[in-house]
Amino acid sequence: MGTRIRAYNFAALALLTPLWCIGCKDREPTPMLSQDLGVEGKPLVLPPAPFHNVNIQKGKADWVPFREPGTEPEPVVEDAPTRDTPPTESPAIEEIKSLIADYNNLSDENDFEEMKTYIVESQIEAMTAAFTTATDMRKKIIELKNKLSEKLTEETERIETTLAKITVSADLATGARLSTTTITEVNADEVMAMTSPGSLTSSLKFVIEEDAWYLKFSDLADAKTLTEQLSSKVSSYGGMLSQLADGSTTAKQILTSMEETLAAEVKMAEPHHDGHEDNDGSLDDDDHGDHEEEHDEDEAADDGDDE
């Protein structure tokens, strides 16, 4: 019995030995994912973990490509936050702004004849009178600037600045220059604009006539009335020149006076807030008491004068 078992063992060993030897032979390595993705025999490697963009999984970003060994990945640039773009203006308002710019450019060139072609026909006569006054005022201002420069040689820059502002103010008053604060499209054929303080009229209207935009000054007086209204402005500059000529007023006094006039115009253009009123429009108690005391003092002073 024992001899038979040993015979079986030898037979099994004889059968398994070749199979075991076959298993000991060198096997080909298991193909790797990067084996066939290399460049010149070097495998490609995946980007580092911090370089992965989580938005890729959400379909919000492009896939980050593989890179060669030793190369640094390009930094991930986040998209800049989008800003709300301002609403575009209507074509009509853009055309009106262009018209105003052309009008003012012609004014700088003293081309009043061409400027008249921008105005509705019914107002050309009145604006011709206004432009005539504007021409006279410009001449007076230039003459005044030259006289002041002769007498105040060290104040050239101050004179240039002040007289330039005076010229703009005079042009606004005569309609030779347009300055608007708001422009509103009424309909496809009409646009309204509010003008800056000191302008010839408080508002302007732009209308379509024969497929073109024309300017119309609101509440414009007739030619004769307009000439009378604006002539006083021309006379004021003539009076300054006469005062300089006869020495009754110095150049420095005139220059200071014009600066104060400009400052007053700027102040008038600013929004007005009454310091004596609360938000509900009522007077403060302290202010009310001050007014009562002032009133009592005035009455006492009047009584003393009467005695």
C-alpha atoms as a PDB file:
ATOM      1  CA  MET A   1       0.000   0.000   0.000  1.00  0.00           C
ATOM      2  CA  GLY A   2       2.764   2.395   0.874  1.00  0.00           C
ATOM      3  CA  THR A   3       4.604   1.527  -2.268  1.00  0.00           C
ATOM      4  CA  ARG A   4       1.516   2.358  -4.332  1.00  0.00           C
ATOM      5  CA  ILE A   5       1.125   5.831  -2.671  1.00  0.00           C
ATOM      6  CA  ARG A   6       4.745   6.708  -3.362  1.00  0.00           C
ATOM      7  CA  ALA A   7       4.236   5.731  -6.978  1.00  0.00           C
ATOM      8  CA  TYR A   8       1.306   8.092  -7.261  1.00  0.00           C
ATOM      9  CA  ASN A   9       3.324  10.934  -5.717  1.00  0.00           C
ATOM     10  CA  PHE A  10       6.154  10.440  -8.156  1.00  0.00           C
ATOM     11  CA  ALA A  11       3.701  10.399 -11.063  1.00  0.00           C
ATOM     12  CA  ALA A  12       2.021  13.644  -9.898  1.00  0.00           C
ATOM     13  CA  LEU A  13       5.384  15.324  -9.392  1.00  0.00           C
ATOM     14  CA  ALA A  14       6.441  14.300 -12.864  1.00  0.00           C
ATOM     15  CA  LEU A  15       3.303  15.861 -14.344  1.00  0.00           C
ATOM     16  CA  LEU A  16       3.370  19.138 -12.351  1.00  0.00           C
ATOM     17  CA  THR A  17       7.076  19.903 -12.722  1.00  0.00           C
ATOM     18  CA  PRO A  18       6.830  21.012 -16.402  1.00  0.00           C
ATOM     19  CA  LEU A  19       3.841  23.164 -15.633  1.00  0.00           C
ATOM     20  CA  TRP A  20       5.653  24.857 -12.741  1.00  0.00           C
ATOM     21  CA  CYS A  21       8.651  25.539 -14.943  1.00  0.00           C
ATOM     22  CA  ILE A  22       6.438  27.113 -17.575  1.00  0.00           C
ATOM     23  CA  GLY A  23       5.014  29.463 -14.915  1.00  0.00           C
ATOM     24  CA  CYS A  24       8.500  30.528 -13.867  1.00  0.00           C
ATOM     25  CA  LYS A  25       9.293  31.961 -17.279  1.00  0.00           C
ATOM     26  CA  ASP A  26       9.555  35.832 -17.566  1.00  0.00           C
ATOM     27  CA  ARG A  27       6.239  37.348 -18.496  1.00  0.00           C
ATOM     28  CA  GLU A  28       5.662  40.527 -20.532  1.00  0.00           C
ATOM     29  CA  PRO A  29       4.738  43.467 -18.261  1.00  0.00           C
ATOM     30  CA  THR A  30       1.113  44.463 -18.134  1.00  0.00           C
ATOM     31  CA  PRO A  31       0.567  47.413 -20.525  1.00  0.00           C
ATOM     32  CA  MET A  32       0.247  50.727 -18.643  1.00  0.00           C
ATOM     33  CA  LEU A  33      -2.127  53.505 -19.509  1.00  0.00           C
ATOM     34  CA  SER A  34       0.743  55.891 -20.246  1.00  0.00           C
ATOM     35  CA  GLN A  35       2.824  53.430 -22.229  1.00  0.00           C
ATOM     36  CA  ASP A  36       1.709  54.581 -25.666  1.00  0.00           C
ATOM     37  CA  LEU A  37       1.190  58.228 -24.717  1.00  0.00           C
ATOM     38  CA  GLY A  38       4.849  59.210 -24.320  1.00  0.00           C
ATOM     39  CA  VAL A  39       7.050  61.499 -26.353  1.00  0.00           C
ATOM     40  CA  GLU A  40      10.400  60.078 -27.473  1.00  0.00           C
ATOM     41  CA  GLY A  41      10.116  57.141 -25.136  1.00  0.00           C
ATOM     42  CA  LYS A  42       9.119  59.163 -22.075  1.00  0.00           C
ATOM     43  CA  PRO A  43       5.696  58.591 -20.605  1.00  0.00           C
ATOM     44  CA  LEU A  44       3.387  61.483 -20.062  1.00  0.00           C
ATOM     45  CA  VAL A  45       2.244  62.213 -16.554  1.00  0.00           C
ATOM     46  CA  LEU A  46      -1.015  63.584 -15.297  1.00  0.00           C
ATOM     47  CA  PRO A  47      -1.200  67.168 -14.012  1.00  0.00           C
ATOM     48  CA  PRO A  48      -0.725  67.532 -10.244  1.00  0.00           C
ATOM     49  CA  ALA A  49      -3.823  67.395  -8.078  1.00  0.00           C
ATOM     50  CA  PRO A  50      -3.956  71.184  -7.359  1.00  0.00           C
ATOM     51  CA  PHE A  51      -4.024  71.795 -11.087  1.00  0.00           C
ATOM     52  CA  HIS A  52      -7.297  69.979 -11.605  1.00  0.00           C
ATOM     53  CA  ASN A  53     -10.278  72.199 -12.206  1.00  0.00           C
ATOM     54  CA  VAL A  54     -13.403  70.958 -10.473  1.00  0.00           C
ATOM     55  CA  ASN A  55     -15.484  72.852 -12.979  1.00  0.00           C
ATOM     56  CA  ILE A  56     -14.497  70.304 -15.605  1.00  0.00           C
ATOM     57  CA  GLN A  57     -16.801  67.770 -14.027  1.00  0.00           C
ATOM     58  CA  LYS A  58     -19.622  70.297 -14.184  1.00  0.00           C
ATOM     59  CA  GLY A  59     -19.022  71.085 -17.819  1.00  0.00           C
ATOM     60  CA  LYS A  60     -17.964  74.678 -17.055  1.00  0.00           C
ATOM     61  CA  ALA A  61     -14.295  74.507 -18.073  1.00  0.00           C
ATOM     62  CA  ASP A  62     -12.021  73.022 -20.724  1.00  0.00           C
ATOM     63  CA  TRP A  63     -10.144  69.829 -19.966  1.00  0.00           C
ATOM     64  CA  VAL A  64      -6.564  70.406 -18.797  1.00  0.00           C
ATOM     65  CA  PRO A  65      -4.252  68.581 -21.261  1.00  0.00           C
ATOM     66  CA  PHE A  66      -1.455  66.156 -20.313  1.00  0.00           C
ATOM     67  CA  ARG A  67       2.006  67.634 -19.969  1.00  0.00           C
ATOM     68  CA  GLU A  68       5.514  66.377 -20.587  1.00  0.00           C
ATOM     69  CA  PRO A  69       7.677  65.340 -17.608  1.00  0.00           C
ATOM     70  CA  GLY A  70       9.575  68.249 -16.059  1.00  0.00           C
ATOM     71  CA  THR A  71       7.337  70.960 -17.516  1.00  0.00           C
ATOM     72  CA  GLU A  72       5.341  73.193 -15.229  1.00  0.00           C
ATOM     73  CA  PRO A  73       1.618  73.449 -15.843  1.00  0.00           C
ATOM     74  CA  GLU A  74       0.247  76.776 -16.949  1.00  0.00           C
ATOM     75  CA  PRO A  75      -1.503  78.607 -14.116  1.00  0.00           C
ATOM     76  CA  VAL A  76      -5.254  78.457 -14.103  1.00  0.00           C
ATOM     77  CA  VAL A  77      -6.558  81.957 -14.849  1.00  0.00           C
ATOM     78  CA  GLU A  78      -9.972  82.577 -13.424  1.00  0.00           C
ATOM     79  CA  ASP A  79     -12.359  84.521 -15.558  1.00  0.00           C
ATOM     80  CA  ALA A  80     -12.679  88.143 -14.503  1.00  0.00           C
ATOM     81  CA  PRO A  81     -16.066  88.954 -13.028  1.00  0.00           C
ATOM     82  CA  THR A  82     -18.373  90.279 -15.656  1.00  0.00           C
ATOM     83  CA  ARG A  83     -19.601  93.819 -15.100  1.00  0.00           C
ATOM     84  CA  ASP A  84     -23.018  94.976 -16.036  1.00  0.00           C
ATOM     85  CA  THR A  85     -22.633  96.909 -19.244  1.00  0.00           C
ATOM     86  CA  PRO A  86     -24.518 100.187 -19.253  1.00  0.00           C
ATOM     87  CA  PRO A  87     -27.575 100.226 -21.452  1.00  0.00           C
ATOM     88  CA  THR A  88     -26.881 101.553 -24.892  1.00  0.00           C
ATOM     89  CA  GLU A  89     -28.463 104.854 -25.836  1.00  0.00           C
ATOM     90  CA  SER A  90     -31.061 105.029 -28.524  1.00  0.00           C
ATOM     91  CA  PRO A  91     -29.895 106.019 -32.004  1.00  0.00           C
ATOM     92  CA  ALA A  92     -31.930 109.222 -31.729  1.00  0.00           C
ATOM     93  CA  ILE A  93     -30.099 110.416 -28.603  1.00  0.00           C
ATOM     94  CA  GLU A  94     -26.738 109.535 -30.138  1.00  0.00           C
ATOM     95  CA  GLU A  95     -27.638 111.615 -33.198  1.00  0.00           C
ATOM     96  CA  ILE A  96     -28.658 114.551 -30.995  1.00  0.00           C
ATOM     97  CA  LYS A  97     -25.371 114.424 -29.096  1.00  0.00           C
ATOM     98  CA  SER A  98     -23.532 114.415 -32.400  1.00  0.00           C
ATOM     99  CA  LEU A  99     -25.597 117.384 -33.579  1.00  0.00           C
ATOM    100  CA  ILE A 100     -24.759 119.348 -30.410  1.00  0.00           C
ATOM    101  CA  ALA A 101     -21.052 118.599 -30.834  1.00  0.00           C
ATOM    102  CA  ASP A 102     -21.122 119.762 -34.475  1.00  0.00           C
ATOM    103  CA  TYR A 103     -23.026 122.890 -33.489  1.00  0.00           C
ATOM    104  CA  ASN A 104     -20.434 123.809 -30.846  1.00  0.00           C
ATOM    105  CA  ASN A 105     -17.532 123.078 -33.199  1.00  0.00           C
ATOM    106  CA  LEU A 106     -19.010 125.502 -35.728  1.00  0.00           C
ATOM    107  CA  SER A 107     -19.384 128.044 -32.930  1.00  0.00           C
ATOM    108  CA  ASP A 108     -15.677 127.739 -32.115  1.00  0.00           C
ATOM    109  CA  GLU A 109     -14.982 128.516 -35.765  1.00  0.00           C
ATOM    110  CA  ASN A 110     -17.336 131.551 -35.700  1.00  0.00           C
ATOM    111  CA  ASP A 111     -19.310 129.938 -38.529  1.00  0.00           C
ATOM    112  CA  PHE A 112     -22.717 131.285 -37.506  1.00  0.00           C
ATOM    113  CA  GLU A 113     -24.091 131.007 -41.034  1.00  0.00           C
ATOM    114  CA  GLU A 114     -23.640 127.246 -41.026  1.00  0.00           C
ATOM    115  CA  MET A 115     -25.039 127.046 -37.483  1.00  0.00           C
ATOM    116  CA  LYS A 116     -28.315 128.538 -38.720  1.00  0.00           C
ATOM    117  CA  THR A 117     -28.854 125.473 -40.907  1.00  0.00           C
ATOM    118  CA  TYR A 118     -29.256 123.416 -37.732  1.00  0.00           C
ATOM    119  CA  ILE A 119     -32.166 125.544 -36.479  1.00  0.00           C
ATOM    120  CA  VAL A 120     -35.834 125.254 -37.422  1.00  0.00           C
ATOM    121  CA  GLU A 121     -36.828 127.771 -40.059  1.00  0.00           C
ATOM    122  CA  SER A 122     -39.307 129.599 -37.812  1.00  0.00           C
ATOM    123  CA  GLN A 123     -36.488 130.629 -35.415  1.00  0.00           C
ATOM    124  CA  ILE A 124     -33.751 131.554 -37.881  1.00  0.00           C
ATOM    125  CA  GLU A 125     -34.598 135.283 -37.775  1.00  0.00           C
ATOM    126  CA  ALA A 126     -34.486 135.413 -33.975  1.00  0.00           C
ATOM    127  CA  MET A 127     -31.279 133.405 -33.784  1.00  0.00           C
ATOM    128  CA  THR A 128     -29.673 135.615 -36.435  1.00  0.00           C
ATOM    129  CA  ALA A 129     -30.179 138.520 -34.025  1.00  0.00           C
ATOM    130  CA  ALA A 130     -28.803 136.409 -31.173  1.00  0.00           C
ATOM    131  CA  PHE A 131     -25.721 135.430 -33.161  1.00  0.00           C
ATOM    132  CA  THR A 132     -25.123 139.086 -34.054  1.00  0.00           C
ATOM    133  CA  THR A 133     -25.126 139.898 -30.358  1.00  0.00           C
ATOM    134  CA  ALA A 134     -22.803 136.945 -29.708  1.00  0.00           C
ATOM    135  CA  THR A 135     -20.345 138.303 -32.265  1.00  0.00           C
ATOM    136  CA  ASP A 136     -20.365 141.737 -30.623  1.00  0.00           C
ATOM    137  CA  MET A 137     -19.878 140.223 -27.173  1.00  0.00           C
ATOM    138  CA  ARG A 138     -16.937 138.129 -28.324  1.00  0.00           C
ATOM    139  CA  LYS A 139     -15.256 141.206 -29.761  1.00  0.00           C
ATOM    140  CA  LYS A 140     -15.744 143.138 -26.520  1.00  0.00           C
ATOM    141  CA  ILE A 141     -14.399 140.256 -24.439  1.00  0.00           C
ATOM    142  CA  ILE A 142     -11.285 139.936 -26.608  1.00  0.00           C
ATOM    143  CA  GLU A 143     -10.681 143.684 -26.364  1.00  0.00           C
ATOM    144  CA  LEU A 144     -11.175 143.547 -22.607  1.00  0.00           C
ATOM    145  CA  LYS A 145      -8.742 140.644 -22.277  1.00  0.00           C
ATOM    146  CA  ASN A 146      -6.091 142.567 -24.220  1.00  0.00           C
ATOM    147  CA  LYS A 147      -6.535 145.668 -22.044  1.00  0.00           C
ATOM    148  CA  LEU A 148      -6.316 143.676 -18.827  1.00  0.00           C
ATOM    149  CA  SER A 149      -3.229 141.848 -20.071  1.00  0.00           C
ATOM    150  CA  GLU A 150      -1.520 145.183 -20.774  1.00  0.00           C
ATOM    151  CA  LYS A 151      -2.140 146.434 -17.257  1.00  0.00           C
ATOM    152  CA  LEU A 152      -1.692 143.158 -15.355  1.00  0.00           C
ATOM    153  CA  THR A 153       1.358 141.634 -17.011  1.00  0.00           C
ATOM    154  CA  GLU A 154       1.922 139.176 -14.168  1.00  0.00           C
ATOM    155  CA  GLU A 155      -1.664 137.902 -14.215  1.00  0.00           C
ATOM    156  CA  THR A 156      -1.711 136.518 -17.767  1.00  0.00           C
ATOM    157  CA  GLU A 157      -2.802 132.993 -16.843  1.00  0.00           C
ATOM    158  CA  ARG A 158      -5.459 134.270 -14.465  1.00  0.00           C
ATOM    159  CA  ILE A 159      -6.813 136.609 -17.147  1.00  0.00           C
ATOM    160  CA  GLU A 160      -6.831 133.854 -19.801  1.00  0.00           C
ATOM    161  CA  THR A 161      -8.732 131.470 -17.534  1.00  0.00           C
ATOM    162  CA  THR A 162     -11.297 134.035 -16.402  1.00  0.00           C
ATOM    163  CA  LEU A 163     -11.990 135.478 -19.836  1.00  0.00           C
ATOM    164  CA  ALA A 164     -12.295 132.007 -21.375  1.00  0.00           C
ATOM    165  CA  LYS A 165     -15.017 131.192 -18.843  1.00  0.00           C
ATOM    166  CA  ILE A 166     -16.654 134.568 -19.482  1.00  0.00           C
ATOM    167  CA  THR A 167     -16.744 133.759 -23.213  1.00  0.00           C
ATOM    168  CA  VAL A 168     -18.439 130.416 -22.605  1.00  0.00           C
ATOM    169  CA  SER A 169     -20.967 132.094 -20.321  1.00  0.00           C
ATOM    170  CA  ALA A 170     -21.696 134.727 -22.962  1.00  0.00           C
ATOM    171  CA  ASP A 171     -22.079 132.078 -25.679  1.00  0.00           C
ATOM    172  CA  LEU A 172     -24.559 130.110 -23.573  1.00  0.00           C
ATOM    173  CA  ALA A 173     -26.588 133.255 -22.940  1.00  0.00           C
ATOM    174  CA  THR A 174     -26.828 134.003 -26.658  1.00  0.00           C
ATOM    175  CA  GLY A 175     -27.413 130.460 -27.874  1.00  0.00           C
ATOM    176  CA  ALA A 176     -24.035 130.393 -29.599  1.00  0.00           C
ATOM    177  CA  ARG A 177     -23.145 127.328 -27.517  1.00  0.00           C
ATOM    178  CA  LEU A 178     -25.266 124.432 -26.307  1.00  0.00           C
ATOM    179  CA  SER A 179     -24.845 122.677 -22.970  1.00  0.00           C
ATOM    180  CA  THR A 180     -27.357 120.091 -21.821  1.00  0.00           C
ATOM    181  CA  THR A 181     -27.907 118.304 -18.525  1.00  0.00           C
ATOM    182  CA  THR A 182     -30.372 115.619 -19.618  1.00  0.00           C
ATOM    183  CA  ILE A 183     -31.569 114.374 -22.993  1.00  0.00           C
ATOM    184  CA  THR A 184     -34.843 112.437 -23.263  1.00  0.00           C
ATOM    185  CA  GLU A 185     -36.392 110.773 -26.281  1.00  0.00           C
ATOM    186  CA  VAL A 186     -40.070 111.699 -26.454  1.00  0.00           C
ATOM    187  CA  ASN A 187     -40.831 109.678 -29.551  1.00  0.00           C
ATOM    188  CA  ALA A 188     -39.177 108.686 -32.828  1.00  0.00           C
ATOM    189  CA  ASP A 189     -39.466 112.263 -34.172  1.00  0.00           C
ATOM    190  CA  GLU A 190     -38.861 114.354 -31.035  1.00  0.00           C
ATOM    191  CA  VAL A 191     -36.165 114.645 -28.379  1.00  0.00           C
ATOM    192  CA  MET A 192     -36.169 117.015 -25.398  1.00  0.00           C
ATOM    193  CA  ALA A 193     -33.084 118.327 -23.591  1.00  0.00           C
ATOM    194  CA  MET A 194     -32.705 120.415 -20.443  1.00  0.00           C
ATOM    195  CA  THR A 195     -29.986 123.052 -20.687  1.00  0.00           C
ATOM    196  CA  SER A 196     -27.334 124.156 -18.221  1.00  0.00           C
ATOM    197  CA  PRO A 197     -27.959 127.267 -16.067  1.00  0.00           C
ATOM    198  CA  GLY A 198     -27.329 130.538 -17.879  1.00  0.00           C
ATOM    199  CA  SER A 199     -28.396 129.199 -21.289  1.00  0.00           C
ATOM    200  CA  LEU A 200     -30.543 131.207 -23.700  1.00  0.00           C
ATOM    201  CA  THR A 201     -33.552 129.003 -22.923  1.00  0.00           C
ATOM    202  CA  SER A 202     -34.174 126.479 -20.174  1.00  0.00           C
ATOM    203  CA  SER A 203     -34.779 123.622 -22.586  1.00  0.00           C
ATOM    204  CA  LEU A 204     -34.305 122.568 -26.183  1.00  0.00           C
ATOM    205  CA  LYS A 205     -36.401 120.524 -28.543  1.00  0.00           C
ATOM    206  CA  PHE A 206     -35.035 118.502 -31.444  1.00  0.00           C
ATOM    207  CA  VAL A 207     -37.501 117.557 -34.152  1.00  0.00           C
ATOM    208  CA  ILE A 208     -37.421 115.612 -37.423  1.00  0.00           C
ATOM    209  CA  GLU A 209     -38.128 117.676 -40.512  1.00  0.00           C
ATOM    210  CA  GLU A 210     -37.554 116.287 -43.998  1.00  0.00           C
ATOM    211  CA  ASP A 211     -35.701 113.267 -42.588  1.00  0.00           C
ATOM    212  CA  ALA A 212     -33.205 115.395 -40.632  1.00  0.00           C
ATOM    213  CA  TRP A 213     -32.915 116.604 -37.038  1.00  0.00           C
ATOM    214  CA  TYR A 214     -33.384 120.332 -36.350  1.00  0.00           C
ATOM    215  CA  LEU A 215     -32.888 122.398 -33.223  1.00  0.00           C
ATOM    216  CA  LYS A 216     -35.694 124.413 -31.666  1.00  0.00           C
ATOM    217  CA  PHE A 217     -35.189 126.715 -28.645  1.00  0.00           C
ATOM    218  CA  SER A 218     -38.106 126.502 -26.235  1.00  0.00           C
ATOM    219  CA  ASP A 219     -39.906 129.772 -25.385  1.00  0.00           C
ATOM    220  CA  LEU A 220     -37.667 131.842 -27.647  1.00  0.00           C
ATOM    221  CA  ALA A 221     -38.527 135.530 -27.959  1.00  0.00           C
ATOM    222  CA  ASP A 222     -38.848 137.275 -31.308  1.00  0.00           C
ATOM    223  CA  ALA A 223     -35.827 138.919 -32.945  1.00  0.00           C
ATOM    224  CA  LYS A 224     -36.537 142.445 -31.669  1.00  0.00           C
ATOM    225  CA  THR A 225     -37.203 141.406 -28.065  1.00  0.00           C
ATOM    226  CA  LEU A 226     -34.188 139.112 -28.073  1.00  0.00           C
ATOM    227  CA  THR A 227     -31.916 141.901 -29.275  1.00  0.00           C
ATOM    228  CA  GLU A 228     -33.138 144.207 -26.518  1.00  0.00           C
ATOM    229  CA  GLN A 229     -32.626 141.501 -23.880  1.00  0.00           C
ATOM    230  CA  LEU A 230     -29.085 140.671 -24.959  1.00  0.00           C
ATOM    231  CA  SER A 231     -27.886 144.200 -25.728  1.00  0.00           C
ATOM    232  CA  SER A 232     -27.475 144.931 -22.026  1.00  0.00           C
ATOM    233  CA  LYS A 233     -24.813 142.220 -21.830  1.00  0.00           C
ATOM    234  CA  VAL A 234     -22.857 143.860 -24.632  1.00  0.00           C
ATOM    235  CA  SER A 235     -23.164 147.216 -22.878  1.00  0.00           C
ATOM    236  CA  SER A 236     -21.748 145.782 -19.638  1.00  0.00           C
ATOM    237  CA  TYR A 237     -18.486 144.838 -21.333  1.00  0.00           C
ATOM    238  CA  GLY A 238     -18.387 148.192 -23.084  1.00  0.00           C
ATOM    239  CA  GLY A 239     -18.788 149.861 -19.694  1.00  0.00           C
ATOM    240  CA  MET A 240     -15.790 147.955 -18.304  1.00  0.00           C
ATOM    241  CA  LEU A 241     -13.668 149.129 -21.215  1.00  0.00           C
ATOM    242  CA  SER A 242     -14.750 152.741 -20.602  1.00  0.00           C
ATOM    243  CA  GLN A 243     -13.900 152.458 -16.890  1.00  0.00           C
ATOM    244  CA  LEU A 244     -10.453 151.152 -17.742  1.00  0.00           C
ATOM    245  CA  ALA A 245      -9.924 153.985 -20.217  1.00  0.00           C
ATOM    246  CA  ASP A 246     -10.863 156.808 -17.826  1.00  0.00           C
ATOM    247  CA  GLY A 247      -9.209 155.170 -14.801  1.00  0.00           C
ATOM    248  CA  SER A 248     -12.370 155.110 -12.694  1.00  0.00           C
ATOM    249  CA  THR A 249     -11.821 151.388 -12.083  1.00  0.00           C
ATOM    250  CA  THR A 250      -8.555 149.495 -11.985  1.00  0.00           C
ATOM    251  CA  ALA A 251      -7.820 146.418 -14.038  1.00  0.00           C
ATOM    252  CA  LYS A 252      -7.485 144.323 -10.890  1.00  0.00           C
ATOM    253  CA  GLN A 253     -10.911 145.441  -9.678  1.00  0.00           C
ATOM    254  CA  ILE A 254     -12.526 144.488 -12.985  1.00  0.00           C
ATOM    255  CA  LEU A 255     -10.808 141.109 -13.036  1.00  0.00           C
ATOM    256  CA  THR A 256     -11.870 140.396  -9.460  1.00  0.00           C
ATOM    257  CA  SER A 257     -15.427 141.478 -10.245  1.00  0.00           C
ATOM    258  CA  MET A 258     -15.640 139.071 -13.178  1.00  0.00           C
ATOM    259  CA  GLU A 259     -14.291 136.226 -11.047  1.00  0.00           C
ATOM    260  CA  GLU A 260     -16.936 136.933  -8.406  1.00  0.00           C
ATOM    261  CA  THR A 261     -19.636 136.943 -11.091  1.00  0.00           C
ATOM    262  CA  LEU A 262     -18.481 133.547 -12.346  1.00  0.00           C
ATOM    263  CA  ALA A 263     -18.401 132.175  -8.806  1.00  0.00           C
ATOM    264  CA  ALA A 264     -21.952 133.391  -8.231  1.00  0.00           C
ATOM    265  CA  GLU A 265     -23.112 131.670 -11.440  1.00  0.00           C
ATOM    266  CA  VAL A 266     -21.541 128.402 -10.306  1.00  0.00           C
ATOM    267  CA  LYS A 267     -23.195 128.697  -6.911  1.00  0.00           C
ATOM    268  CA  MET A 268     -26.585 129.339  -8.494  1.00  0.00           C
ATOM    269  CA  ALA A 269     -26.143 126.239 -10.637  1.00  0.00           C
ATOM    270  CA  GLU A 270     -25.618 124.040  -7.565  1.00  0.00           C
ATOM    271  CA  PRO A 271     -28.626 122.339  -5.940  1.00  0.00           C
ATOM    272  CA  HIS A 272     -30.100 124.639  -3.305  1.00  0.00           C
ATOM    273  CA  HIS A 273     -30.576 123.332   0.222  1.00  0.00           C
ATOM    274  CA  ASP A 274     -32.184 125.459   2.895  1.00  0.00           C
ATOM    275  CA  GLY A 275     -30.191 124.997   6.081  1.00  0.00           C
ATOM    276  CA  HIS A 276     -33.137 126.150   8.220  1.00  0.00           C
ATOM    277  CA  GLU A 277     -35.357 123.243   7.248  1.00  0.00           C
ATOM    278  CA  ASP A 278     -35.519 119.711   8.574  1.00  0.00           C
ATOM    279  CA  ASN A 279     -36.342 116.752   6.373  1.00  0.00           C
ATOM    280  CA  ASP A 280     -40.028 117.415   7.010  1.00  0.00           C
ATOM    281  CA  GLY A 281     -39.656 121.040   5.881  1.00  0.00           C
ATOM    282  CA  SER A 282     -40.256 122.528   9.342  1.00  0.00           C
ATOM    283  CA  LEU A 283     -37.991 125.064  11.002  1.00  0.00           C
ATOM    284  CA  ASP A 284     -35.690 123.973  13.799  1.00  0.00           C
ATOM    285  CA  ASP A 285     -36.674 125.202  17.270  1.00  0.00           C
ATOM    286  CA  ASP A 286     -33.263 126.804  17.782  1.00  0.00           C
ATOM    287  CA  ASP A 287     -33.457 128.615  14.456  1.00  0.00           C
ATOM    288  CA  HIS A 288     -36.980 129.739  15.245  1.00  0.00           C
ATOM    289  CA  GLY A 289     -35.796 131.186  18.552  1.00  0.00           C
ATOM    290  CA  ASP A 290     -32.923 132.991  16.869  1.00  0.00           C
ATOM    291  CA  HIS A 291     -35.291 134.595  14.387  1.00  0.00           C
ATOM    292  CA  GLU A 292     -37.548 135.745  17.216  1.00  0.00           C
ATOM    293  CA  GLU A 293     -34.601 137.318  19.065  1.00  0.00           C
ATOM    294  CA  GLU A 294     -33.436 139.076  15.893  1.00  0.00           C
ATOM    295  CA  HIS A 295     -36.976 140.310  15.306  1.00  0.00           C
ATOM    296  CA  ASP A 296     -37.178 141.706  18.863  1.00  0.00           C
ATOM    297  CA  GLU A 297     -33.823 143.462  18.459  1.00  0.00           C
ATOM    298  CA  ASP A 298     -34.936 144.998  15.174  1.00  0.00           C
ATOM    299  CA  GLU A 299     -38.137 146.289  16.787  1.00  0.00           C
ATOM    300  CA  ALA A 300     -36.162 147.794  19.679  1.00  0.00           C
ATOM    301  CA  ALA A 301     -33.806 149.497  17.242  1.00  0.00           C
ATOM    302  CA  ASP A 302     -36.750 150.884  15.279  1.00  0.00           C
ATOM    303  CA  ASP A 303     -38.321 152.239  18.480  1.00  0.00           C
ATOM    304  CA  GLY A 304     -35.066 153.985  19.391  1.00  0.00           C
ATOM    305  CA  ASP A 305     -34.858 155.598  15.970  1.00  0.00           C
ATOM    306  CA  ASP A 306     -38.397 156.844  16.234  1.00  0.00           C
ATOM    307  CA  GLU A 307     -37.665 158.465  19.623  1.00  0.00           C
END
